[in-house]
N, C-alpha and C. Protein backbone atom coordinates (compact mmCIF):
# COMPACT_ATOMS: atom_id res chain seq x y z
N UNK A 1 2.08 -1.13 19.58
CA UNK A 1 1.01 -1.88 19.06
C UNK A 1 -0.48 -1.82 18.98
N UNK A 2 -0.96 -2.21 18.06
CA UNK A 2 -2.25 -2.03 18.10
C UNK A 2 -3.52 -2.41 19.06
N UNK A 3 -5.45 -2.27 18.24
CA UNK A 3 -5.76 -1.88 19.56
C UNK A 3 -6.99 -3.35 19.00
N UNK A 4 -6.75 -4.16 20.38
CA UNK A 4 -8.14 -5.27 19.66
C UNK A 4 -8.62 -5.70 20.24
N UNK A 5 -9.84 -6.41 18.73
CA UNK A 5 -10.98 -5.91 18.36
C UNK A 5 -12.09 -7.07 18.99
N UNK A 6 -11.38 -8.06 18.17
CA UNK A 6 -11.87 -9.65 18.21
C UNK A 6 -10.88 -10.81 18.78
N UNK A 7 -12.37 -10.99 19.45
CA UNK A 7 -10.53 -12.42 19.96
C UNK A 7 -11.06 -14.13 20.33
N UNK A 8 -10.78 -14.35 20.32
CA UNK A 8 -11.23 -16.33 20.48
C UNK A 8 -9.84 -16.83 19.99
N UNK A 9 -10.77 -18.36 21.59
CA UNK A 9 -9.09 -19.30 21.48
C UNK A 9 -8.29 -19.27 20.34
N UNK A 10 -7.01 -19.51 20.18
CA UNK A 10 -6.44 -19.13 19.88
C UNK A 10 -6.14 -18.00 18.37
N UNK A 11 -7.35 -17.06 18.19
CA UNK A 11 -7.58 -16.09 16.86
C UNK A 11 -7.84 -14.52 17.52
N UNK A 12 -7.07 -13.77 17.04
CA UNK A 12 -7.36 -12.46 17.40
C UNK A 12 -7.34 -12.01 16.24
N UNK A 13 -8.11 -10.65 16.31
CA UNK A 13 -8.55 -9.81 15.12
C UNK A 13 -7.47 -7.63 15.66
N UNK A 14 -6.97 -7.22 14.95
CA UNK A 14 -7.14 -6.26 16.34
C UNK A 14 -6.17 -4.94 15.20
N UNK A 15 -7.16 -4.45 15.21
CA UNK A 15 -6.73 -2.47 15.17
C UNK A 15 -4.98 -1.86 14.98
N UNK A 16 -4.02 -1.56 13.64
CA UNK A 16 -2.92 -1.36 14.44
C UNK A 16 -3.07 0.49 14.10
N UNK A 17 -2.68 0.61 14.80
CA UNK A 17 -2.15 2.65 14.92
C UNK A 17 -1.71 3.66 14.07
N UNK A 18 -1.73 4.48 13.95
CA UNK A 18 -0.90 4.35 12.67
C UNK A 18 0.55 4.49 12.98
N UNK A 19 1.55 4.88 14.15
CA UNK A 19 3.05 4.16 13.92
C UNK A 19 2.62 2.73 12.84
N UNK A 20 2.25 2.50 13.74
CA UNK A 20 2.93 0.58 13.28
C UNK A 20 2.54 0.59 11.93
N UNK A 21 1.72 1.24 11.01
CA UNK A 21 0.84 0.97 9.66
C UNK A 21 2.15 1.65 8.76
N UNK A 22 2.85 2.67 8.56
CA UNK A 22 2.98 3.92 8.93
C UNK A 22 5.12 2.98 8.09
N UNK A 23 4.82 2.22 9.73
CA UNK A 23 6.81 0.81 9.21
C UNK A 23 6.05 -0.14 8.84
N UNK A 24 4.77 -0.64 9.06
CA UNK A 24 4.94 -1.31 7.71
C UNK A 24 5.09 -0.61 6.48
N UNK A 25 4.32 0.28 5.81
CA UNK A 25 4.18 0.71 4.52
C UNK A 25 6.69 0.92 4.54
N UNK A 26 6.49 1.07 5.76
CA UNK A 26 8.71 1.83 5.16
C UNK A 26 9.74 0.62 5.22
N UNK A 27 8.30 -0.64 5.17
CA UNK A 27 9.31 -2.01 5.49
C UNK A 27 8.78 -2.76 3.98
N UNK A 28 7.91 -2.69 3.07
CA UNK A 28 8.05 -3.32 2.22
C UNK A 28 8.30 -2.62 0.90
N UNK A 29 7.81 -3.38 -0.53
CA UNK A 29 8.01 -2.20 -1.04
C UNK A 29 7.10 -2.98 -2.30
N UNK A 30 5.98 -3.38 -2.53
CA UNK A 30 5.01 -3.73 -3.33
C UNK A 30 3.30 -3.11 -3.22
N UNK A 31 2.70 -2.86 -3.53
CA UNK A 31 1.51 -3.01 -2.97
C UNK A 31 0.27 -2.67 -4.20
N UNK A 32 -0.69 -1.65 -4.23
CA UNK A 32 -1.80 -2.09 -5.19
C UNK A 32 -2.83 -0.23 -4.92
N UNK A 33 -2.65 0.78 -6.15
CA UNK A 33 -2.48 0.92 -5.47
C UNK A 33 -3.94 1.38 -6.63
N UNK A 34 -5.20 1.93 -6.18
CA UNK A 34 -6.77 2.11 -6.47
C UNK A 34 -6.95 3.02 -6.76
N UNK A 35 -7.80 3.21 -8.11
CA UNK A 35 -8.39 5.43 -9.40
C UNK A 35 -10.05 4.70 -9.44
N UNK A 36 -10.33 5.38 -8.95
CA UNK A 36 -12.15 5.24 -9.76
C UNK A 36 -11.76 5.35 -11.24
N UNK A 37 -12.19 5.06 -12.56
CA UNK A 37 -12.46 5.41 -13.54
C UNK A 37 -13.71 4.95 -13.86
N UNK A 38 -13.78 6.57 -13.82
CA UNK A 38 -16.40 7.07 -13.55
C UNK A 38 -16.41 6.45 -12.35
N UNK A 39 -17.57 5.48 -12.57
CA UNK A 39 -17.68 4.98 -11.16
C UNK A 39 -17.22 3.84 -10.88
N UNK A 40 -17.00 3.29 -11.27
CA UNK A 40 -15.82 1.63 -11.88
C UNK A 40 -14.14 2.48 -10.90
N UNK A 41 -13.98 1.22 -9.76
CA UNK A 41 -12.51 1.28 -9.36
C UNK A 41 -11.32 0.63 -10.19
N UNK A 42 -10.30 1.33 -10.59
CA UNK A 42 -9.33 0.16 -10.84
C UNK A 42 -8.77 0.11 -10.40
N UNK A 43 -8.02 -1.48 -10.13
CA UNK A 43 -6.86 -1.35 -8.98
C UNK A 43 -5.65 -2.52 -10.21
N UNK A 44 -4.35 -1.53 -8.97
CA UNK A 44 -3.13 -2.15 -10.32
C UNK A 44 -1.94 -2.25 -9.19
N UNK A 45 -0.81 -3.11 -9.33
CA UNK A 45 0.18 -3.10 -8.62
C UNK A 45 1.05 -2.47 -8.79
N UNK A 46 1.90 -2.08 -7.92
CA UNK A 46 3.10 -0.97 -8.33
C UNK A 46 3.91 -1.21 -7.61
N UNK A 47 5.38 -1.30 -8.00
CA UNK A 47 6.04 -0.89 -6.36
C UNK A 47 6.89 0.18 -6.02
N UNK A 48 6.89 0.66 -4.80
CA UNK A 48 6.59 2.15 -4.25
C UNK A 48 7.81 1.85 -3.49
N UNK A 49 7.68 2.94 -2.57
CA UNK A 49 9.00 3.32 -1.44
C UNK A 49 8.40 4.00 -0.62
N UNK A 50 8.07 4.30 0.44
CA UNK A 50 7.69 4.67 1.10
C UNK A 50 8.63 5.59 2.56
N UNK A 51 8.85 7.52 2.17
CA UNK A 51 9.51 7.95 3.14
C UNK A 51 8.93 8.55 3.75
N UNK A 52 9.26 9.50 5.10
CA UNK A 52 8.89 10.47 5.72
C UNK A 52 7.05 11.00 5.13
N UNK A 53 6.72 9.63 5.41
CA UNK A 53 4.85 9.23 5.75
C UNK A 53 4.38 9.55 3.89
N UNK A 54 5.25 9.44 2.97
CA UNK A 54 4.75 9.82 1.75
C UNK A 54 4.94 8.57 0.55
N UNK A 55 4.33 7.93 -0.21
CA UNK A 55 4.71 7.48 -0.76
C UNK A 55 5.12 7.08 -2.20
N UNK A 56 5.92 6.62 -2.04
CA UNK A 56 6.34 6.95 -4.20
C UNK A 56 6.28 5.77 -5.46
N UNK A 57 5.96 6.49 -6.22
CA UNK A 57 6.37 5.15 -7.38
C UNK A 57 6.24 5.66 -8.39
N UNK A 58 6.09 4.51 -9.48
CA UNK A 58 6.62 5.31 -11.31
C UNK A 58 6.41 4.92 -11.58
N UNK A 59 5.12 5.55 -13.06
CA UNK A 59 4.93 5.12 -13.72
C UNK A 59 4.84 5.91 -14.75
N UNK A 60 3.85 5.26 -16.48
CA UNK A 60 4.12 5.44 -17.29
C UNK A 60 2.57 6.58 -17.48
N UNK A 61 2.14 7.22 -19.13
CA UNK A 61 1.13 7.25 -19.77
C UNK A 61 0.37 6.61 -19.43
N UNK A 62 -1.02 6.54 -18.99
CA UNK A 62 -1.97 5.95 -18.26
C UNK A 62 -3.84 6.45 -16.73
N UNK A 63 -4.11 4.96 -16.35
CA UNK A 63 -4.93 6.01 -15.98
C UNK A 63 -4.89 6.01 -14.30
N UNK A 64 -3.17 6.35 -13.64
CA UNK A 64 -2.56 6.00 -12.55
C UNK A 64 -1.78 7.97 -13.23
N UNK A 65 -1.50 7.80 -13.65
CA UNK A 65 -0.51 9.16 -14.01
C UNK A 65 -1.95 9.87 -14.60
N UNK A 66 -2.90 10.43 -15.09
CA UNK A 66 -3.90 11.18 -15.05
C UNK A 66 -4.78 10.67 -14.07
N UNK A 67 -4.87 10.30 -12.71
CA UNK A 67 -5.04 10.36 -12.00
C UNK A 67 -4.67 11.17 -11.09
N UNK A 68 -3.31 11.31 -11.26
CA UNK A 68 -1.97 12.45 -10.67
C UNK A 68 -1.94 13.94 -11.24
N UNK A 69 -2.18 13.82 -12.34
CA UNK A 69 -2.45 14.84 -12.79
C UNK A 69 -3.24 15.25 -12.60
N UNK A 70 -4.55 15.13 -11.88
CA UNK A 70 -5.52 15.90 -11.85
C UNK A 70 -5.84 15.50 -10.36
N UNK A 71 -4.50 15.52 -9.38
CA UNK A 71 -4.77 14.94 -7.61
C UNK A 71 -5.61 14.58 -7.07
N UNK A 72 -6.39 13.61 -7.91
CA UNK A 72 -7.54 13.11 -7.41
C UNK A 72 -7.20 11.99 -6.16
N UNK A 73 -8.14 11.95 -5.45
CA UNK A 73 -8.30 10.37 -4.10
C UNK A 73 -6.72 9.51 -4.94
N UNK A 74 -6.79 8.50 -4.49
CA UNK A 74 -6.65 7.88 -4.24
C UNK A 74 -6.35 6.15 -2.34
N UNK A 75 -6.69 5.07 -3.51
CA UNK A 75 -6.38 4.09 -1.90
C UNK A 75 -5.37 3.71 -2.73
N UNK A 76 -4.50 3.65 -1.21
CA UNK A 76 -3.26 2.08 -1.28
C UNK A 76 -3.90 1.69 -0.02
N UNK A 77 -2.87 0.08 -0.46
CA UNK A 77 -3.27 -0.51 -0.04
C UNK A 77 -1.64 -1.77 0.03
N UNK A 78 -1.30 -2.20 0.92
CA UNK A 78 -0.70 -3.20 1.06
C UNK A 78 -1.37 -4.74 2.51
N UNK A 79 -0.82 -5.64 1.44
CA UNK A 79 -0.92 -6.65 2.47
C UNK A 79 0.39 -8.07 3.29
N UNK A 80 -0.40 -8.87 3.44
CA UNK A 80 0.36 -9.90 4.08
C UNK A 80 0.02 -11.13 4.33
N UNK A 81 -0.08 -12.61 3.94
CA UNK A 81 -1.04 -13.02 4.52
C UNK A 81 -0.90 -14.44 4.43
N UNK A 82 -0.27 -15.14 4.96
CA UNK A 82 0.17 -16.77 5.54
C UNK A 82 -1.41 -17.14 5.15
N UNK A 83 -1.75 -18.69 4.07
CA UNK A 83 -3.18 -19.74 3.93
C UNK A 83 -3.26 -20.06 5.35
N UNK A 84 -1.69 -21.17 5.00
CA UNK A 84 -1.61 -21.84 6.14
C UNK A 84 -2.19 -22.23 7.99
N UNK A 85 -1.77 -20.54 8.20
CA UNK A 85 -1.30 -20.30 9.35
C UNK A 85 -3.20 -19.36 10.05
N UNK A 86 -3.27 -19.28 8.90
CA UNK A 86 -4.83 -18.01 8.83
C UNK A 86 -3.99 -16.55 9.71
N UNK A 87 -2.86 -16.66 10.13
CA UNK A 87 -2.51 -15.20 10.15
C UNK A 87 -2.05 -13.87 9.20
N UNK A 88 -2.55 -12.96 9.26
CA UNK A 88 -1.85 -11.99 8.28
C UNK A 88 -2.00 -10.12 8.34
N UNK A 89 -1.77 -9.59 7.95
CA UNK A 89 -2.19 -8.44 8.21
C UNK A 89 -2.40 -6.90 6.73
N UNK A 90 -3.13 -5.19 6.80
CA UNK A 90 -3.22 -4.95 6.29
C UNK A 90 -3.24 -3.81 6.01
N UNK A 91 -2.11 -2.84 5.77
CA UNK A 91 -2.33 -1.25 5.98
C UNK A 91 -3.23 -0.85 4.85
N UNK A 92 -4.28 0.17 4.73
CA UNK A 92 -4.93 1.23 3.86
C UNK A 92 -4.48 2.94 4.31
N UNK A 93 -4.16 2.95 3.41
CA UNK A 93 -3.57 4.12 2.72
C UNK A 93 -4.79 5.28 1.40
N UNK A 94 -5.88 6.66 2.49
CA UNK A 94 -6.02 7.18 1.37
C UNK A 94 -5.15 8.99 1.32
N UNK A 95 -5.35 9.18 0.33
CA UNK A 95 -5.20 10.33 -0.19
C UNK A 95 -4.41 10.93 -1.87
N UNK A 96 -3.96 12.16 -1.88
CA UNK A 96 -4.34 12.69 -3.40
C UNK A 96 -3.33 12.52 -3.72
N UNK A 97 -3.37 12.10 -5.26
CA UNK A 97 -1.95 10.92 -5.76
C UNK A 97 -1.37 13.53 -6.50
N UNK A 98 -0.47 13.12 -6.86
CA UNK A 98 0.00 14.13 -7.85
C UNK A 98 1.78 13.46 -7.75
N UNK A 99 1.58 14.59 -9.41
CA UNK A 99 2.93 14.01 -10.08
C UNK A 99 4.16 14.62 -9.61
N UNK A 100 4.92 14.44 -9.27
CA UNK A 100 6.27 14.53 -8.80
C UNK A 100 7.29 15.54 -9.64
N UNK A 101 7.81 16.71 -10.57
CA UNK A 101 8.20 17.43 -11.11
C UNK A 101 9.87 17.29 -11.49
N UNK A 102 9.92 17.00 -13.02
CA UNK A 102 11.35 16.69 -13.35
C UNK A 102 12.86 16.86 -11.99
N UNK A 103 12.43 18.18 -11.53
CA UNK A 103 13.79 18.57 -10.74
C UNK A 103 14.06 17.61 -9.87
N UNK A 104 12.39 17.16 -9.39
CA UNK A 104 12.17 16.93 -7.63
C UNK A 104 12.72 15.21 -8.37
N UNK A 105 12.09 14.96 -8.80
CA UNK A 105 12.95 13.66 -9.62
C UNK A 105 13.35 12.67 -9.10
N UNK A 106 14.58 13.77 -10.59
CA UNK A 106 16.02 13.21 -9.97
C UNK A 106 16.05 13.10 -8.60
N UNK A 107 16.19 13.99 -7.88
CA UNK A 107 16.21 14.73 -6.15
C UNK A 107 16.27 13.03 -5.73
N UNK A 108 15.08 12.72 -5.41
CA UNK A 108 13.83 12.40 -5.31
C UNK A 108 15.09 10.68 -4.89
N UNK A 109 14.73 9.90 -6.45
CA UNK A 109 15.82 9.44 -6.99
C UNK A 109 16.67 9.29 -6.46
N UNK A 110 18.25 9.86 -5.92
CA UNK A 110 19.21 10.13 -5.62
C UNK A 110 18.90 9.70 -3.82
N UNK A 111 17.91 10.06 -3.35
CA UNK A 111 17.84 9.44 -2.26
C UNK A 111 17.23 8.62 -1.61
N UNK A 112 15.80 7.32 -2.68
CA UNK A 112 15.66 6.19 -2.66
C UNK A 112 16.13 5.05 -3.76
N UNK A 113 16.22 4.16 -3.68
CA UNK A 113 15.52 2.84 -4.58
C UNK A 113 14.83 3.36 -4.93
N UNK A 114 14.66 3.58 -6.27
CA UNK A 114 12.91 3.16 -6.88
C UNK A 114 13.14 3.02 -8.22
N UNK A 115 13.10 1.63 -8.66
CA UNK A 115 13.17 0.93 -10.05
C UNK A 115 12.42 0.12 -9.79
N UNK A 116 11.29 0.96 -11.82
CA UNK A 116 10.20 -0.51 -11.61
C UNK A 116 10.59 -1.73 -12.08
N UNK A 117 9.38 -2.85 -12.12
CA UNK A 117 9.28 -3.88 -11.91
C UNK A 117 8.87 -4.19 -13.64
N UNK A 118 8.13 -3.11 -13.99
CA UNK A 118 7.60 -3.20 -14.68
C UNK A 118 7.99 -3.08 -16.58
N UNK A 119 7.61 -3.67 -17.53
CA UNK A 119 9.19 -2.94 -18.84
C UNK A 119 8.35 -2.10 -19.27
N UNK A 120 9.19 -1.48 -20.09
CA UNK A 120 8.90 0.00 -20.93
C UNK A 120 8.92 0.98 -19.95
N UNK A 121 9.34 2.39 -20.18
CA UNK A 121 10.21 3.27 -19.63
C UNK A 121 8.54 4.49 -18.72
N UNK A 122 8.98 4.18 -17.51
CA UNK A 122 8.31 4.20 -16.51
C UNK A 122 9.25 5.59 -15.64
N UNK A 123 8.80 6.88 -16.06
CA UNK A 123 10.12 7.46 -15.28
C UNK A 123 9.47 9.08 -15.19
N UNK A 124 7.41 8.46 -15.02
CA UNK A 124 6.70 9.95 -14.14
C UNK A 124 6.83 9.19 -12.79
N UNK A 125 6.88 10.23 -12.29
CA UNK A 125 7.05 9.60 -10.48
C UNK A 125 6.35 9.99 -9.73
N UNK A 126 5.13 9.62 -8.80
CA UNK A 126 3.55 9.65 -8.63
C UNK A 126 4.31 9.75 -7.03
N UNK A 127 3.35 10.78 -6.20
CA UNK A 127 3.54 10.32 -4.71
C UNK A 127 1.78 11.41 -4.42
N UNK A 128 2.35 9.84 -3.17
CA UNK A 128 0.49 9.68 -2.26
C UNK A 128 1.03 10.33 -0.79
N UNK A 129 0.22 10.79 0.13
CA UNK A 129 1.20 11.72 1.34
C UNK A 129 -1.04 11.76 2.20
N UNK A 130 -0.69 10.34 2.27
CA UNK A 130 -1.66 9.62 3.53
C UNK A 130 -2.68 11.33 3.49
N UNK A 131 -3.67 11.10 3.49
CA UNK A 131 -5.04 11.64 4.76
C UNK A 131 -5.94 11.03 6.22
N UNK A 132 -5.49 9.66 5.37
CA UNK A 132 -6.20 8.85 6.20
C UNK A 132 -4.94 7.30 6.14
N UNK A 133 -4.68 6.71 6.94
CA UNK A 133 -4.29 5.25 7.80
C UNK A 133 -4.33 4.38 8.45
N UNK A 134 -5.05 3.50 8.46
CA UNK A 134 -5.72 1.67 8.44
C UNK A 134 -5.12 1.11 8.56
N UNK A 135 -5.10 0.20 9.67
CA UNK A 135 -4.46 -1.65 8.99
C UNK A 135 -5.05 -1.88 10.24
N UNK A 136 -5.06 -3.37 9.91
CA UNK A 136 -6.09 -5.13 10.28
C UNK A 136 -4.94 -5.55 10.51
N UNK A 137 -4.69 -6.17 11.26
CA UNK A 137 -4.09 -8.02 11.99
C UNK A 137 -5.06 -9.03 12.33
N UNK A 138 -4.78 -9.91 11.55
CA UNK A 138 -5.03 -11.41 12.05
C UNK A 138 -4.42 -12.17 13.18
N UNK A 139 -4.49 -12.63 13.69
CA UNK A 139 -3.67 -13.91 13.85
C UNK A 139 -4.29 -14.06 15.04
N UNK A 140 -4.00 -16.03 14.54
CA UNK A 140 -3.61 -17.31 14.31
C UNK A 140 -2.19 -17.93 15.56
N UNK A 141 -3.06 -18.13 16.88
CA UNK A 141 -1.51 -19.58 17.24
C UNK A 141 -1.64 -20.71 16.35
N UNK A 142 -1.50 -21.39 15.18
CA UNK A 142 -0.62 -22.20 15.05
C UNK A 142 -2.13 -22.84 13.35
N UNK A 143 -1.51 -24.27 12.66
CA UNK A 143 -1.94 -23.83 10.92
C UNK A 143 -3.04 -24.80 11.26
N UNK A 144 -3.83 -24.74 10.13
CA UNK A 144 -5.60 -24.94 9.76
C UNK A 144 -5.11 -26.74 10.09
N UNK A 145 -7.28 -26.48 10.72
CA UNK A 145 -6.74 -28.28 10.43
C UNK A 145 -7.80 -28.68 9.75
N UNK A 146 -7.37 -29.30 8.98
CA UNK A 146 -8.65 -30.37 8.16
C UNK A 146 -10.24 -30.35 8.49
N UNK A 147 -10.03 -30.23 7.56
CA UNK A 147 -12.19 -30.54 7.31
C UNK A 147 -12.53 -31.30 7.76
N UNK A 148 -13.08 -32.15 8.54
CA UNK A 148 -13.81 -33.47 8.57
C UNK A 148 -14.95 -33.29 8.13
N UNK A 149 -14.06 -35.24 6.99
CA UNK A 149 -15.81 -35.29 6.13
C UNK A 149 -15.06 -36.15 5.03
């Protein structure tokens, strides 16, 4: 369980510990990878698989693969929010991305299911080993009340 950061009647904000962050990473399959393109951040949705502390996704030629080929530090984020009940969580993982070499791609693909959602050839596998992982959860005891007015 996380560390309670703030609380008010019916609502709480807590920091998730690393174990819970990795548990959420392992239990989900869609996220966003953020890469710096010069001085501009670019954020891309990806479907991924997390296992043994690493995050994997397929891509093609382009920004994400270019970053991985240079070992660039990237940010990876997943989340889930319920706007009606005003609760949710998010996990951020930061680490260097690298392209996985051809022989390892076949071996890894056999060990876990990871099929790109986007159309077109996406045969280049990128791996992120996070150096930093953090998460937050906001909880609420009920649905949002309608505004008076």
